[in-house]
Protein backbone atom coordinates (compact mmCIF):
# COMPACT_ATOMS: atom_id res chain seq x y z
CA UNK A 1 65.60 57.71 -27.20
CA UNK A 2 68.46 57.05 -24.42
CA UNK A 3 69.73 54.01 -23.11
CA UNK A 4 68.76 54.55 -20.03
CA UNK A 5 64.90 54.62 -21.26
CA UNK A 6 65.75 51.57 -23.51
CA UNK A 7 67.22 49.74 -20.25
CA UNK A 8 64.14 50.63 -18.28
CA UNK A 9 61.74 49.40 -20.93
CA UNK A 10 63.64 46.41 -21.20
CA UNK A 11 63.33 45.36 -17.20
CA UNK A 12 60.12 46.00 -17.36
CA UNK A 13 59.57 43.40 -19.85
CA UNK A 14 61.96 41.22 -18.23
CA UNK A 15 59.97 41.94 -15.25
CA UNK A 16 56.59 40.96 -17.02
CA UNK A 17 58.00 38.02 -18.78
CA UNK A 18 59.08 36.71 -15.21
CA UNK A 19 56.02 37.45 -13.92
CA UNK A 20 53.99 35.69 -16.73
CA UNK A 21 56.30 32.89 -15.73
CA UNK A 22 55.28 32.47 -12.52
CA UNK A 23 51.57 33.77 -12.74
CA UNK A 24 50.25 31.46 -15.97
CA UNK A 25 51.01 27.81 -13.99
CA UNK A 26 48.75 29.11 -11.23
CA UNK A 27 45.94 30.61 -12.99
CA UNK A 28 46.66 27.22 -15.18
CA UNK A 29 45.98 25.77 -11.99
CA UNK A 30 43.32 27.17 -10.35
CA UNK A 31 41.11 26.81 -14.12
CA UNK A 32 41.72 22.84 -13.76
CA UNK A 33 40.60 23.30 -9.96
CA UNK A 34 37.52 24.73 -11.01
CA UNK A 35 36.99 22.25 -13.81
CA UNK A 36 37.60 19.27 -11.43
CA UNK A 37 35.02 21.01 -9.00
CA UNK A 38 32.20 21.49 -11.62
CA UNK A 39 32.74 17.69 -13.01
CA UNK A 40 33.10 16.55 -9.50
CA UNK A 41 29.92 18.60 -9.02
CA UNK A 42 27.69 16.97 -11.75
CA UNK A 43 28.70 13.77 -10.53
CA UNK A 44 27.56 14.16 -7.09
CA UNK A 45 24.16 15.66 -8.73
CA UNK A 46 24.34 12.96 -11.01
CA UNK A 47 24.88 10.34 -8.13
CA UNK A 48 22.23 11.75 -5.89
CA UNK A 49 19.34 11.77 -8.63
CA UNK A 50 20.51 7.83 -9.11
CA UNK A 51 19.67 6.92 -5.27
CA UNK A 52 16.62 9.21 -5.00
CA UNK A 53 15.48 7.05 -8.06
CA UNK A 54 16.98 3.73 -6.86
CA UNK A 55 14.65 4.57 -3.47
CA UNK A 56 11.30 5.76 -5.20
CA UNK A 57 11.40 2.25 -7.26
CA UNK A 58 11.72 0.11 -4.24
CA UNK A 59 9.84 2.45 -2.23
CA UNK A 60 6.42 1.67 -4.43
CA UNK A 61 7.38 -1.96 -5.17
CA UNK A 62 7.27 -2.39 -1.04
CA UNK A 63 4.03 -0.40 -1.15
CA UNK A 64 3.04 -2.73 -3.41
CA UNK A 65 4.44 -5.29 -1.66
CA UNK A 66 2.77 -4.38 1.64
CA UNK A 67 -1.27 -4.57 -0.34
CA UNK A 68 -0.25 -7.99 -1.88
CA UNK A 69 0.22 -8.68 2.10
CA UNK A 70 -2.99 -6.91 3.44
CA UNK A 71 -5.03 -8.39 0.75
CA UNK A 72 -3.48 -11.89 1.73
CA UNK A 73 -4.63 -11.33 5.39
CA UNK A 74 -8.00 -11.04 4.47
CA UNK A 75 -8.07 -14.08 2.50
CA UNK A 76 -7.11 -15.58 5.20
CA UNK A 77 -9.06 -14.39 7.36
CA UNK A 78 -12.67 -15.28 5.35
CA UNK A 79 -11.11 -18.49 4.61
CA UNK A 80 -10.68 -18.69 8.77
CA UNK A 81 -13.79 -18.12 9.28
CA UNK A 82 -15.00 -20.04 6.13
CA UNK A 83 -13.55 -23.02 8.18
CA UNK A 84 -14.72 -21.80 12.30
CA UNK A 85 -18.14 -22.25 10.56
CA UNK A 86 -17.64 -25.71 9.07
CA UNK A 87 -16.65 -26.90 12.32
CA UNK A 88 -19.31 -25.57 14.36
CA UNK A 89 -21.33 -27.01 11.92
CA UNK A 90 -20.10 -30.21 12.15
CA UNK A 91 -19.96 -29.67 15.84
CA UNK A 92 -23.62 -29.21 15.87
CA UNK A 93 -24.28 -32.59 13.11
CA UNK A 94 -22.06 -34.98 15.84
CA UNK A 95 -24.25 -33.24 18.78
CA UNK A 96 -27.14 -34.43 17.06
CA UNK A 97 -28.44 -30.66 16.93
CA UNK A 98 -28.05 -29.89 13.63
CA UNK A 99 -30.62 -33.47 11.93
CA UNK A 100 -33.15 -31.07 11.40
CA UNK A 101 -31.45 -29.17 8.89
CA UNK A 102 -30.24 -32.85 7.28
CA UNK A 103 -34.21 -33.58 7.09
CA UNK A 104 -35.21 -29.77 5.11
CA UNK A 105 -32.32 -30.82 2.53
CA UNK A 106 -34.39 -33.39 1.76
CA UNK A 107 -37.90 -31.74 2.21
CA UNK A 108 -37.66 -28.18 2.44
CA UNK A 109 -41.94 -28.23 3.04
CA UNK A 110 -42.22 -29.99 5.96
CA UNK A 111 -45.70 -29.95 7.62
CA UNK A 112 -44.59 -30.09 11.54
CA UNK A 113 -42.32 -26.34 10.69
CA UNK A 114 -44.71 -23.64 11.65
CA UNK A 115 -45.72 -21.29 9.36
CA UNK A 116 -43.26 -18.70 9.92
CA UNK A 117 -40.58 -20.53 9.56
CA UNK A 118 -41.76 -22.86 5.78
CA UNK A 119 -42.70 -19.53 4.37
CA UNK A 120 -40.06 -16.70 6.27
CA UNK A 121 -41.00 -13.74 3.45
CA UNK A 122 -44.82 -14.21 3.99
CA UNK A 123 -43.91 -13.00 7.76
CA UNK A 124 -41.09 -10.21 6.83
CA UNK A 125 -41.79 -7.41 8.64
CA UNK A 126 -39.34 -4.59 6.44
CA UNK A 127 -41.02 -2.59 5.61
CA UNK A 128 -43.28 -2.00 9.13
CA UNK A 129 -41.26 1.35 10.54
CA UNK A 130 -37.60 0.85 8.90
CA UNK A 131 -36.17 3.47 11.25
CA UNK A 132 -36.81 2.54 14.65
CA UNK A 133 -34.25 0.90 16.76
CA UNK A 134 -35.04 -2.62 17.32
CA UNK A 135 -37.44 -3.12 15.20
CA UNK A 136 -38.24 -5.99 12.80
CA UNK A 137 -36.41 -4.58 10.07
CA UNK A 138 -33.72 -3.66 12.17
CA UNK A 139 -32.56 -6.40 13.32
CA UNK A 140 -33.65 -8.64 10.23
CA UNK A 141 -30.43 -6.76 8.20
CA UNK A 142 -27.82 -7.94 10.91
CA UNK A 143 -28.87 -11.45 10.88
CA UNK A 144 -25.71 -13.17 9.17
CA UNK A 145 -26.27 -14.98 5.73
CA UNK A 146 -26.00 -18.23 7.58
CA UNK A 147 -29.02 -17.10 9.70
CA UNK A 148 -30.99 -16.79 6.98
CA UNK A 149 -30.58 -19.86 5.05
CA UNK A 150 -31.38 -21.49 7.60
CA UNK A 151 -33.97 -19.55 10.12
CA UNK A 152 -34.42 -22.43 12.38
CA UNK A 153 -30.98 -22.12 13.21
CA UNK A 154 -30.84 -18.48 13.67
CA UNK A 155 -33.01 -18.55 16.93
């Protein structure tokens, strides 16, 4: 081989070495950047998942708390209605309109009451025309428990 060919080969090898010396650090930096981005994406995904699961747990807790609040509100309504019923009974007794109840409590078979009030089941017409609106059967089911227990008060 001639010296010119050897010089060309040496120059090409030196150029390749310089090129590799410059390109390798850049390639390593690009690879490191890609690795950092992959790690950041993985951490983001973990954080998103953690926040979503926490949001789901808190939503469930809030739903349960709302349900307990609705139940408590219904219980409060029942207590309020019972208190109002007792207050109404107290007003009746205070005005002297509930004296017949006091007498009924001692003697349930009073003879001065009409037969329909002494034996309400005897005059119950629930089996007669149950589908007809305004019949005794349809109005009978609309009476409150208080009216069913106290027929003389229900009138």
